[in-house]
Amino acid sequence: MRTVGLKTLKNRLSEYIRLVAAGETIIVTDRRRVVAEIVPPRPELQRLTADLFLAQGVREGWLRPAANPASGAPPRRPIVPFDQLMQELERDREDR
């Protein structure tokens, strides 16, 4: 973890961003007061950044990434069996 003053960060921003991309955390100070923390992106956010709308939602806080994104959607349970659904469809077609 490194600490950097705001003015130095502004003048050498690219260098500090490369450090963060490599996994380091940067603490930003303004007149010896901590004002920000620059951290590497969380792994679960990597796939969201591909979609700008989702990335904006996460940044603004109105969208939260899935707690376990690897699990996918839960399995669906049919409301009625397929055979029964097809029989109802045939009956509806006969009524026309």
PDB file of N, CA and C in Angstrom:
ATOM      1  N   MET A   1       0.855  -1.166   0.000  1.00  0.00           N
ATOM      2  CA  MET A   1       0.000   0.000   0.000  1.00  0.00           C
ATOM      3  C   MET A   1       0.901   1.228   0.000  1.00  0.00           C
ATOM      4  N   ARG A   2       0.600   2.150  -0.892  1.00  0.00           N
ATOM      5  CA  ARG A   2       1.364   3.396  -0.989  1.00  0.00           C
ATOM      6  C   ARG A   2       0.456   4.568  -0.667  1.00  0.00           C
ATOM      7  N   THR A   3       1.087   5.637  -0.190  1.00  0.00           N
ATOM      8  CA  THR A   3       0.376   6.882   0.065  1.00  0.00           C
ATOM      9  C   THR A   3       0.952   7.938  -0.855  1.00  0.00           C
ATOM     10  N   VAL A   4       0.076   8.729  -1.457  1.00  0.00           N
ATOM     11  CA  VAL A   4       0.521   9.763  -2.389  1.00  0.00           C
ATOM     12  C   VAL A   4      -0.323  11.012  -2.194  1.00  0.00           C
ATOM     13  N   GLY A   5       0.320  12.153  -2.304  1.00  0.00           N
ATOM     14  CA  GLY A   5      -0.393  13.422  -2.225  1.00  0.00           C
ATOM     15  C   GLY A   5      -1.179  13.677  -3.502  1.00  0.00           C
ATOM     16  N   LEU A   6      -2.196  14.465  -3.398  1.00  0.00           N
ATOM     17  CA  LEU A   6      -3.078  14.750  -4.528  1.00  0.00           C
ATOM     18  C   LEU A   6      -2.330  15.380  -5.702  1.00  0.00           C
ATOM     19  N   LYS A   7      -1.448  16.322  -5.422  1.00  0.00           N
ATOM     20  CA  LYS A   7      -0.718  16.996  -6.492  1.00  0.00           C
ATOM     21  C   LYS A   7       0.207  16.015  -7.212  1.00  0.00           C
ATOM     22  N   THR A   8       0.899  15.170  -6.452  1.00  0.00           N
ATOM     23  CA  THR A   8       1.793  14.182  -7.064  1.00  0.00           C
ATOM     24  C   THR A   8       0.991  13.173  -7.880  1.00  0.00           C
ATOM     25  N   LEU A   9      -0.146  12.761  -7.364  1.00  0.00           N
ATOM     26  CA  LEU A   9      -1.000  11.828  -8.095  1.00  0.00           C
ATOM     27  C   LEU A   9      -1.421  12.427  -9.426  1.00  0.00           C
ATOM     28  N   LYS A  10      -1.815  13.687  -9.410  1.00  0.00           N
ATOM     29  CA  LYS A  10      -2.242  14.352 -10.639  1.00  0.00           C
ATOM     30  C   LYS A  10      -1.110  14.377 -11.665  1.00  0.00           C
ATOM     31  N   ASN A  11       0.091  14.678 -11.212  1.00  0.00           N
ATOM     32  CA  ASN A  11       1.229  14.796 -12.130  1.00  0.00           C
ATOM     33  C   ASN A  11       1.737  13.450 -12.641  1.00  0.00           C
ATOM     34  N   ARG A  12       1.490  12.367 -11.886  1.00  0.00           N
ATOM     35  CA  ARG A  12       2.018  11.050 -12.274  1.00  0.00           C
ATOM     36  C   ARG A  12       0.912   9.993 -12.267  1.00  0.00           C
ATOM     37  N   LEU A  13      -0.266  10.393 -12.715  1.00  0.00           N
ATOM     38  CA  LEU A  13      -1.437   9.521 -12.646  1.00  0.00           C
ATOM     39  C   LEU A  13      -1.223   8.187 -13.348  1.00  0.00           C
ATOM     40  N   SER A  14      -0.669   8.204 -14.543  1.00  0.00           N
ATOM     41  CA  SER A  14      -0.478   6.952 -15.300  1.00  0.00           C
ATOM     42  C   SER A  14       0.371   5.950 -14.518  1.00  0.00           C
ATOM     43  N   GLU A  15       1.406   6.427 -13.879  1.00  0.00           N
ATOM     44  CA  GLU A  15       2.281   5.547 -13.096  1.00  0.00           C
ATOM     45  C   GLU A  15       1.505   4.878 -11.959  1.00  0.00           C
ATOM     46  N   TYR A  16       0.706   5.661 -11.248  1.00  0.00           N
ATOM     47  CA  TYR A  16      -0.054   5.105 -10.126  1.00  0.00           C
ATOM     48  C   TYR A  16      -1.167   4.171 -10.596  1.00  0.00           C
ATOM     49  N   ILE A  17      -1.767   4.462 -11.728  1.00  0.00           N
ATOM     50  CA  ILE A  17      -2.793   3.561 -12.265  1.00  0.00           C
ATOM     51  C   ILE A  17      -2.166   2.226 -12.646  1.00  0.00           C
ATOM     52  N   ARG A  18      -0.964   2.241 -13.196  1.00  0.00           N
ATOM     53  CA  ARG A  18      -0.269   0.978 -13.508  1.00  0.00           C
ATOM     54  C   ARG A  18      -0.015   0.170 -12.238  1.00  0.00           C
ATOM     55  N   LEU A  19       0.345   0.844 -11.146  1.00  0.00           N
ATOM     56  CA  LEU A  19       0.554   0.148  -9.875  1.00  0.00           C
ATOM     57  C   LEU A  19      -0.744  -0.499  -9.379  1.00  0.00           C
ATOM     58  N   VAL A  20      -1.831   0.238  -9.491  1.00  0.00           N
ATOM     59  CA  VAL A  20      -3.130  -0.302  -9.058  1.00  0.00           C
ATOM     60  C   VAL A  20      -3.519  -1.486  -9.935  1.00  0.00           C
ATOM     61  N   ALA A  21      -3.299  -1.379 -11.237  1.00  0.00           N
ATOM     62  CA  ALA A  21      -3.617  -2.482 -12.146  1.00  0.00           C
ATOM     63  C   ALA A  21      -2.803  -3.718 -11.810  1.00  0.00           C
ATOM     64  N   ALA A  22      -1.626  -3.526 -11.244  1.00  0.00           N
ATOM     65  CA  ALA A  22      -0.775  -4.646 -10.849  1.00  0.00           C
ATOM     66  C   ALA A  22      -1.176  -5.212  -9.481  1.00  0.00           C
ATOM     67  N   GLY A  23      -2.186  -4.609  -8.829  1.00  0.00           N
ATOM     68  CA  GLY A  23      -2.697  -5.175  -7.580  1.00  0.00           C
ATOM     69  C   GLY A  23      -2.418  -4.343  -6.343  1.00  0.00           C
ATOM     70  N   GLU A  24      -1.764  -3.214  -6.477  1.00  0.00           N
ATOM     71  CA  GLU A  24      -1.427  -2.402  -5.307  1.00  0.00           C
ATOM     72  C   GLU A  24      -2.551  -1.414  -4.989  1.00  0.00           C
ATOM     73  N   THR A  25      -2.701  -1.089  -3.714  1.00  0.00           N
ATOM     74  CA  THR A  25      -3.681  -0.106  -3.268  1.00  0.00           C
ATOM     75  C   THR A  25      -2.966   1.215  -3.035  1.00  0.00           C
ATOM     76  N   ILE A  26      -3.573   2.309  -3.490  1.00  0.00           N
ATOM     77  CA  ILE A  26      -2.991   3.640  -3.341  1.00  0.00           C
ATOM     78  C   ILE A  26      -3.908   4.471  -2.445  1.00  0.00           C
ATOM     79  N   ILE A  27      -3.335   5.072  -1.392  1.00  0.00           N
ATOM     80  CA  ILE A  27      -4.066   5.979  -0.515  1.00  0.00           C
ATOM     81  C   ILE A  27      -3.745   7.395  -0.972  1.00  0.00           C
ATOM     82  N   VAL A  28      -4.777   8.194  -1.230  1.00  0.00           N
ATOM     83  CA  VAL A  28      -4.598   9.561  -1.701  1.00  0.00           C
ATOM     84  C   VAL A  28      -4.838  10.515  -0.536  1.00  0.00           C
ATOM     85  N   THR A  29      -3.900  11.460  -0.360  1.00  0.00           N
ATOM     86  CA  THR A  29      -4.034  12.441   0.716  1.00  0.00           C
ATOM     87  C   THR A  29      -4.086  13.846   0.148  1.00  0.00           C
ATOM     88  N   ASP A  30      -4.716  14.727   0.903  1.00  0.00           N
ATOM     89  CA  ASP A  30      -4.747  16.151   0.581  1.00  0.00           C
ATOM     90  C   ASP A  30      -4.419  16.884   1.871  1.00  0.00           C
ATOM     91  N   ARG A  31      -3.255  17.496   1.913  1.00  0.00           N
ATOM     92  CA  ARG A  31      -2.756  18.168   3.120  1.00  0.00           C
ATOM     93  C   ARG A  31      -2.725  17.203   4.308  1.00  0.00           C
ATOM     94  N   ARG A  32      -2.176  16.026   4.068  1.00  0.00           N
ATOM     95  CA  ARG A  32      -1.986  14.955   5.067  1.00  0.00           C
ATOM     96  C   ARG A  32      -3.286  14.351   5.590  1.00  0.00           C
ATOM     97  N   ARG A  33      -4.382  14.629   4.923  1.00  0.00           N
ATOM     98  CA  ARG A  33      -5.675  14.036   5.297  1.00  0.00           C
ATOM     99  C   ARG A  33      -6.061  13.050   4.203  1.00  0.00           C
ATOM    100  N   VAL A  34      -6.412  11.832   4.580  1.00  0.00           N
ATOM    101  CA  VAL A  34      -6.801  10.815   3.602  1.00  0.00           C
ATOM    102  C   VAL A  34      -8.129  11.215   2.975  1.00  0.00           C
ATOM    103  N   VAL A  35      -8.129  11.277   1.622  1.00  0.00           N
ATOM    104  CA  VAL A  35      -9.345  11.685   0.918  1.00  0.00           C
ATOM    105  C   VAL A  35      -9.876  10.608  -0.021  1.00  0.00           C
ATOM    106  N   ALA A  36      -9.025   9.632  -0.380  1.00  0.00           N
ATOM    107  CA  ALA A  36      -9.487   8.598  -1.313  1.00  0.00           C
ATOM    108  C   ALA A  36      -8.585   7.375  -1.219  1.00  0.00           C
ATOM    109  N   GLU A  37      -9.113   6.298  -1.756  1.00  0.00           N
ATOM    110  CA  GLU A  37      -8.370   5.047  -1.838  1.00  0.00           C
ATOM    111  C   GLU A  37      -8.607   4.486  -3.240  1.00  0.00           C
ATOM    112  N   ILE A  38      -7.528   4.200  -3.933  1.00  0.00           N
ATOM    113  CA  ILE A  38      -7.641   3.612  -5.272  1.00  0.00           C
ATOM    114  C   ILE A  38      -7.241   2.157  -5.135  1.00  0.00           C
ATOM    115  N   VAL A  39      -8.174   1.267  -5.458  1.00  0.00           N
ATOM    116  CA  VAL A  39      -7.937  -0.170  -5.288  1.00  0.00           C
ATOM    117  C   VAL A  39      -8.117  -0.882  -6.624  1.00  0.00           C
ATOM    118  N   PRO A  40      -7.497  -2.053  -6.781  1.00  0.00           N
ATOM    119  CA  PRO A  40      -7.708  -2.840  -7.999  1.00  0.00           C
ATOM    120  C   PRO A  40      -9.173  -3.263  -8.095  1.00  0.00           C
ATOM    121  N   PRO A  41      -9.680  -3.449  -9.311  1.00  0.00           N
ATOM    122  CA  PRO A  41     -11.083  -3.860  -9.449  1.00  0.00           C
ATOM    123  C   PRO A  41     -11.299  -5.263  -8.884  1.00  0.00           C
ATOM    124  N   ARG A  42     -12.489  -5.465  -8.336  1.00  0.00           N
ATOM    125  CA  ARG A  42     -12.841  -6.792  -7.816  1.00  0.00           C
ATOM    126  C   ARG A  42     -13.060  -7.736  -8.997  1.00  0.00           C
ATOM    127  N   PRO A  43     -12.661  -9.001  -8.862  1.00  0.00           N
ATOM    128  CA  PRO A  43     -12.798  -9.946  -9.981  1.00  0.00           C
ATOM    129  C   PRO A  43     -14.227 -10.079 -10.507  1.00  0.00           C
ATOM    130  N   GLU A  44     -15.224 -10.027  -9.624  1.00  0.00           N
ATOM    131  CA  GLU A  44     -16.602 -10.205 -10.082  1.00  0.00           C
ATOM    132  C   GLU A  44     -17.096  -9.024 -10.919  1.00  0.00           C
ATOM    133  N   LEU A  45     -16.396  -7.894 -10.852  1.00  0.00           N
ATOM    134  CA  LEU A  45     -16.802  -6.738 -11.649  1.00  0.00           C
ATOM    135  C   LEU A  45     -16.219  -6.759 -13.058  1.00  0.00           C
ATOM    136  N   GLN A  46     -15.265  -7.640 -13.317  1.00  0.00           N
ATOM    137  CA  GLN A  46     -14.626  -7.683 -14.626  1.00  0.00           C
ATOM    138  C   GLN A  46     -15.640  -7.922 -15.743  1.00  0.00           C
ATOM    139  N   ARG A  47     -16.568  -8.860 -15.532  1.00  0.00           N
ATOM    140  CA  ARG A  47     -17.537  -9.156 -16.592  1.00  0.00           C
ATOM    141  C   ARG A  47     -18.570  -8.050 -16.745  1.00  0.00           C
ATOM    142  N   LEU A  48     -18.812  -7.289 -15.670  1.00  0.00           N
ATOM    143  CA  LEU A  48     -19.782  -6.207 -15.759  1.00  0.00           C
ATOM    144  C   LEU A  48     -19.245  -5.010 -16.538  1.00  0.00           C
ATOM    145  N   THR A  49     -17.947  -4.812 -16.520  1.00  0.00           N
ATOM    146  CA  THR A  49     -17.396  -3.644 -17.201  1.00  0.00           C
ATOM    147  C   THR A  49     -17.543  -3.759 -18.713  1.00  0.00           C
ATOM    148  N   ALA A  50     -17.782  -4.952 -19.227  1.00  0.00           N
ATOM    149  CA  ALA A  50     -18.001  -5.116 -20.660  1.00  0.00           C
ATOM    150  C   ALA A  50     -19.314  -4.453 -21.077  1.00  0.00           C
ATOM    151  N   ASP A  51     -20.264  -4.406 -20.195  1.00  0.00           N
ATOM    152  CA  ASP A  51     -21.547  -3.759 -20.467  1.00  0.00           C
ATOM    153  C   ASP A  51     -21.566  -2.419 -19.732  1.00  0.00           C
ATOM    154  N   LEU A  52     -21.507  -1.333 -20.458  1.00  0.00           N
ATOM    155  CA  LEU A  52     -21.408  -0.012 -19.845  1.00  0.00           C
ATOM    156  C   LEU A  52     -22.593   0.327 -18.958  1.00  0.00           C
ATOM    157  N   PHE A  53     -23.777  -0.133 -19.340  1.00  0.00           N
ATOM    158  CA  PHE A  53     -24.968   0.146 -18.543  1.00  0.00           C
ATOM    159  C   PHE A  53     -24.856  -0.530 -17.170  1.00  0.00           C
ATOM    160  N   LEU A  54     -24.431  -1.805 -17.165  1.00  0.00           N
ATOM    161  CA  LEU A  54     -24.271  -2.513 -15.894  1.00  0.00           C
ATOM    162  C   LEU A  54     -23.165  -1.889 -15.053  1.00  0.00           C
ATOM    163  N   ALA A  55     -22.068  -1.514 -15.692  1.00  0.00           N
ATOM    164  CA  ALA A  55     -20.957  -0.895 -14.970  1.00  0.00           C
ATOM    165  C   ALA A  55     -21.411   0.413 -14.316  1.00  0.00           C
ATOM    166  N   GLN A  56     -22.211   1.197 -15.028  1.00  0.00           N
ATOM    167  CA  GLN A  56     -22.714   2.453 -14.470  1.00  0.00           C
ATOM    168  C   GLN A  56     -23.616   2.173 -13.264  1.00  0.00           C
ATOM    169  N   GLY A  57     -24.460   1.152 -13.366  1.00  0.00           N
ATOM    170  CA  GLY A  57     -25.342   0.801 -12.260  1.00  0.00           C
ATOM    171  C   GLY A  57     -24.578   0.406 -11.012  1.00  0.00           C
ATOM    172  N   VAL A  58     -23.492  -0.339 -11.179  1.00  0.00           N
ATOM    173  CA  VAL A  58     -22.672  -0.737 -10.039  1.00  0.00           C
ATOM    174  C   VAL A  58     -22.004   0.489  -9.430  1.00  0.00           C
ATOM    175  N   ARG A  59     -21.449   1.363 -10.274  1.00  0.00           N
ATOM    176  CA  ARG A  59     -20.783   2.573  -9.783  1.00  0.00           C
ATOM    177  C   ARG A  59     -21.735   3.460  -9.001  1.00  0.00           C
ATOM    178  N   GLU A  60     -22.951   3.613  -9.504  1.00  0.00           N
ATOM    179  CA  GLU A  60     -23.916   4.501  -8.863  1.00  0.00           C
ATOM    180  C   GLU A  60     -24.622   3.854  -7.680  1.00  0.00           C
ATOM    181  N   GLY A  61     -24.472   2.556  -7.530  1.00  0.00           N
ATOM    182  CA  GLY A  61     -25.015   1.874  -6.366  1.00  0.00           C
ATOM    183  C   GLY A  61     -26.431   1.366  -6.499  1.00  0.00           C
ATOM    184  N   TRP A  62     -27.087   1.509  -7.642  1.00  0.00           N
ATOM    185  CA  TRP A  62     -28.451   1.006  -7.792  1.00  0.00           C
ATOM    186  C   TRP A  62     -28.476  -0.411  -8.354  1.00  0.00           C
ATOM    187  N   LEU A  63     -27.291  -0.978  -8.584  1.00  0.00           N
ATOM    188  CA  LEU A  63     -27.179  -2.356  -9.046  1.00  0.00           C
ATOM    189  C   LEU A  63     -26.060  -3.018  -8.269  1.00  0.00           C
ATOM    190  N   ARG A  64     -26.304  -4.214  -7.797  1.00  0.00           N
ATOM    191  CA  ARG A  64     -25.300  -4.938  -7.026  1.00  0.00           C
ATOM    192  C   ARG A  64     -24.984  -6.243  -7.739  1.00  0.00           C
ATOM    193  N   PRO A  65     -23.688  -6.558  -7.936  1.00  0.00           N
ATOM    194  CA  PRO A  65     -23.334  -7.801  -8.624  1.00  0.00           C
ATOM    195  C   PRO A  65     -23.802  -9.021  -7.832  1.00  0.00           C
ATOM    196  N   ALA A  66     -23.983 -10.119  -8.521  1.00  0.00           N
ATOM    197  CA  ALA A  66     -24.408 -11.359  -7.875  1.00  0.00           C
ATOM    198  C   ALA A  66     -23.373 -11.797  -6.848  1.00  0.00           C
ATOM    199  N   ALA A  67     -23.832 -12.337  -5.743  1.00  0.00           N
ATOM    200  CA  ALA A  67     -22.917 -12.798  -4.702  1.00  0.00           C
ATOM    201  C   ALA A  67     -22.113 -14.005  -5.174  1.00  0.00           C
ATOM    202  N   ASN A  68     -22.735 -14.859  -5.989  1.00  0.00           N
ATOM    203  CA  ASN A  68     -22.055 -16.049  -6.493  1.00  0.00           C
ATOM    204  C   ASN A  68     -22.340 -16.154  -7.994  1.00  0.00           C
ATOM    205  N   PRO A  69     -21.640 -15.369  -8.820  1.00  0.00           N
ATOM    206  CA  PRO A  69     -21.964 -15.332 -10.251  1.00  0.00           C
ATOM    207  C   PRO A  69     -21.702 -16.637 -10.984  1.00  0.00           C
ATOM    208  N   ALA A  70     -20.866 -17.510 -10.439  1.00  0.00           N
ATOM    209  CA  ALA A  70     -20.544 -18.764 -11.120  1.00  0.00           C
ATOM    210  C   ALA A  70     -21.709 -19.745 -11.090  1.00  0.00           C
ATOM    211  N   SER A  71     -22.621 -19.582 -10.149  1.00  0.00           N
ATOM    212  CA  SER A  71     -23.712 -20.546 -10.002  1.00  0.00           C
ATOM    213  C   SER A  71     -24.781 -20.390 -11.079  1.00  0.00           C
ATOM    214  N   GLY A  72     -24.912 -19.229 -11.684  1.00  0.00           N
ATOM    215  CA  GLY A  72     -25.915 -19.034 -12.725  1.00  0.00           C
ATOM    216  C   GLY A  72     -27.311 -18.900 -12.152  1.00  0.00           C
ATOM    217  N   ALA A  73     -28.286 -18.933 -13.027  1.00  0.00           N
ATOM    218  CA  ALA A  73     -29.680 -18.813 -12.609  1.00  0.00           C
ATOM    219  C   ALA A  73     -30.140 -20.116 -11.958  1.00  0.00           C
ATOM    220  N   PRO A  74     -31.070 -20.022 -11.024  1.00  0.00           N
ATOM    221  CA  PRO A  74     -31.574 -21.244 -10.404  1.00  0.00           C
ATOM    222  C   PRO A  74     -32.357 -22.061 -11.423  1.00  0.00           C
ATOM    223  N   PRO A  75     -32.402 -23.385 -11.258  1.00  0.00           N
ATOM    224  CA  PRO A  75     -33.156 -24.204 -12.204  1.00  0.00           C
ATOM    225  C   PRO A  75     -34.645 -23.870 -12.148  1.00  0.00           C
ATOM    226  N   ARG A  76     -35.283 -23.912 -13.303  1.00  0.00           N
ATOM    227  CA  ARG A  76     -36.703 -23.607 -13.379  1.00  0.00           C
ATOM    228  C   ARG A  76     -37.517 -24.848 -13.097  1.00  0.00           C
ATOM    229  N   ARG A  77     -38.619 -24.652 -12.410  1.00  0.00           N
ATOM    230  CA  ARG A  77     -39.547 -25.746 -12.142  1.00  0.00           C
ATOM    231  C   ARG A  77     -40.786 -25.520 -12.999  1.00  0.00           C
ATOM    232  N   PRO A  78     -41.166 -26.509 -13.796  1.00  0.00           N
ATOM    233  CA  PRO A  78     -42.349 -26.321 -14.632  1.00  0.00           C
ATOM    234  C   PRO A  78     -43.610 -26.204 -13.783  1.00  0.00           C
ATOM    235  N   ILE A  79     -44.524 -25.366 -14.241  1.00  0.00           N
ATOM    236  CA  ILE A  79     -45.797 -25.184 -13.534  1.00  0.00           C
ATOM    237  C   ILE A  79     -46.714 -26.364 -13.821  1.00  0.00           C
ATOM    238  N   VAL A  80     -46.736 -26.791 -15.075  1.00  0.00           N
ATOM    239  CA  VAL A  80     -47.513 -27.974 -15.468  1.00  0.00           C
ATOM    240  C   VAL A  80     -46.612 -28.868 -16.307  1.00  0.00           C
ATOM    241  N   PRO A  81     -46.871 -30.171 -16.304  1.00  0.00           N
ATOM    242  CA  PRO A  81     -46.084 -31.063 -17.153  1.00  0.00           C
ATOM    243  C   PRO A  81     -46.290 -30.732 -18.636  1.00  0.00           C
ATOM    244  N   PHE A  82     -45.291 -30.998 -19.444  1.00  0.00           N
ATOM    245  CA  PHE A  82     -45.317 -30.669 -20.864  1.00  0.00           C
ATOM    246  C   PHE A  82     -46.500 -31.333 -21.570  1.00  0.00           C
ATOM    247  N   ASP A  83     -46.764 -32.605 -21.280  1.00  0.00           N
ATOM    248  CA  ASP A  83     -47.869 -33.316 -21.926  1.00  0.00           C
ATOM    249  C   ASP A  83     -49.215 -32.632 -21.644  1.00  0.00           C
ATOM    250  N   GLN A  84     -49.415 -32.232 -20.402  1.00  0.00           N
ATOM    251  CA  GLN A  84     -50.660 -31.565 -20.037  1.00  0.00           C
ATOM    252  C   GLN A  84     -50.770 -30.220 -20.768  1.00  0.00           C
ATOM    253  N   LEU A  85     -49.691 -29.499 -20.871  1.00  0.00           N
ATOM    254  CA  LEU A  85     -49.682 -28.225 -21.577  1.00  0.00           C
ATOM    255  C   LEU A  85     -50.056 -28.405 -23.045  1.00  0.00           C
ATOM    256  N   MET A  86     -49.507 -29.426 -23.686  1.00  0.00           N
ATOM    257  CA  MET A  86     -49.806 -29.688 -25.097  1.00  0.00           C
ATOM    258  C   MET A  86     -51.270 -30.089 -25.286  1.00  0.00           C
ATOM    259  N   GLN A  87     -51.833 -30.865 -24.354  1.00  0.00           N
ATOM    260  CA  GLN A  87     -53.241 -31.246 -24.443  1.00  0.00           C
ATOM    261  C   GLN A  87     -54.141 -30.014 -24.333  1.00  0.00           C
ATOM    262  N   GLU A  88     -53.802 -29.101 -23.413  1.00  0.00           N
ATOM    263  CA  GLU A  88     -54.586 -27.875 -23.275  1.00  0.00           C
ATOM    264  C   GLU A  88     -54.488 -27.022 -24.534  1.00  0.00           C
ATOM    265  N   LEU A  89     -53.333 -26.986 -25.131  1.00  0.00           N
ATOM    266  CA  LEU A  89     -53.143 -26.225 -26.358  1.00  0.00           C
ATOM    267  C   LEU A  89     -53.993 -26.809 -27.484  1.00  0.00           C
ATOM    268  N   GLU A  90     -54.020 -28.121 -27.611  1.00  0.00           N
ATOM    269  CA  GLU A  90     -54.850 -28.785 -28.635  1.00  0.00           C
ATOM    270  C   GLU A  90     -56.323 -28.480 -28.402  1.00  0.00           C
ATOM    271  N   ARG A  91     -56.756 -28.527 -27.147  1.00  0.00           N
ATOM    272  CA  ARG A  91     -58.163 -28.231 -26.842  1.00  0.00           C
ATOM    273  C   ARG A  91     -58.516 -26.782 -27.213  1.00  0.00           C
ATOM    274  N   ASP A  92     -57.598 -25.872 -26.917  1.00  0.00           N
ATOM    275  CA  ASP A  92     -57.834 -24.474 -27.268  1.00  0.00           C
ATOM    276  C   ASP A  92     -57.923 -24.282 -28.786  1.00  0.00           C
ATOM    277  N   ARG A  93     -57.141 -25.023 -29.517  1.00  0.00           N
ATOM    278  CA  ARG A  93     -57.159 -24.920 -30.971  1.00  0.00           C
ATOM    279  C   ARG A  93     -58.461 -25.500 -31.549  1.00  0.00           C
ATOM    280  N   GLU A  94     -58.984 -26.537 -30.910  1.00  0.00           N
ATOM    281  CA  GLU A  94     -60.240 -27.149 -31.378  1.00  0.00           C
ATOM    282  C   GLU A  94     -61.419 -26.215 -31.166  1.00  0.00           C
ATOM    283  N   ASP A  95     -61.347 -25.345 -30.171  1.00  0.00           N
ATOM    284  CA  ASP A  95     -62.437 -24.430 -29.870  1.00  0.00           C
ATOM    285  C   ASP A  95     -62.596 -23.350 -30.925  1.00  0.00           C
ATOM    286  N   ARG A  96     -61.646 -23.149 -31.776  1.00  0.00           N
ATOM    287  CA  ARG A  96     -61.713 -22.077 -32.785  1.00  0.00           C
ATOM    288  C   ARG A  96     -62.563 -22.415 -33.941  1.00  0.00           C
TER     289      ARG A  96
END
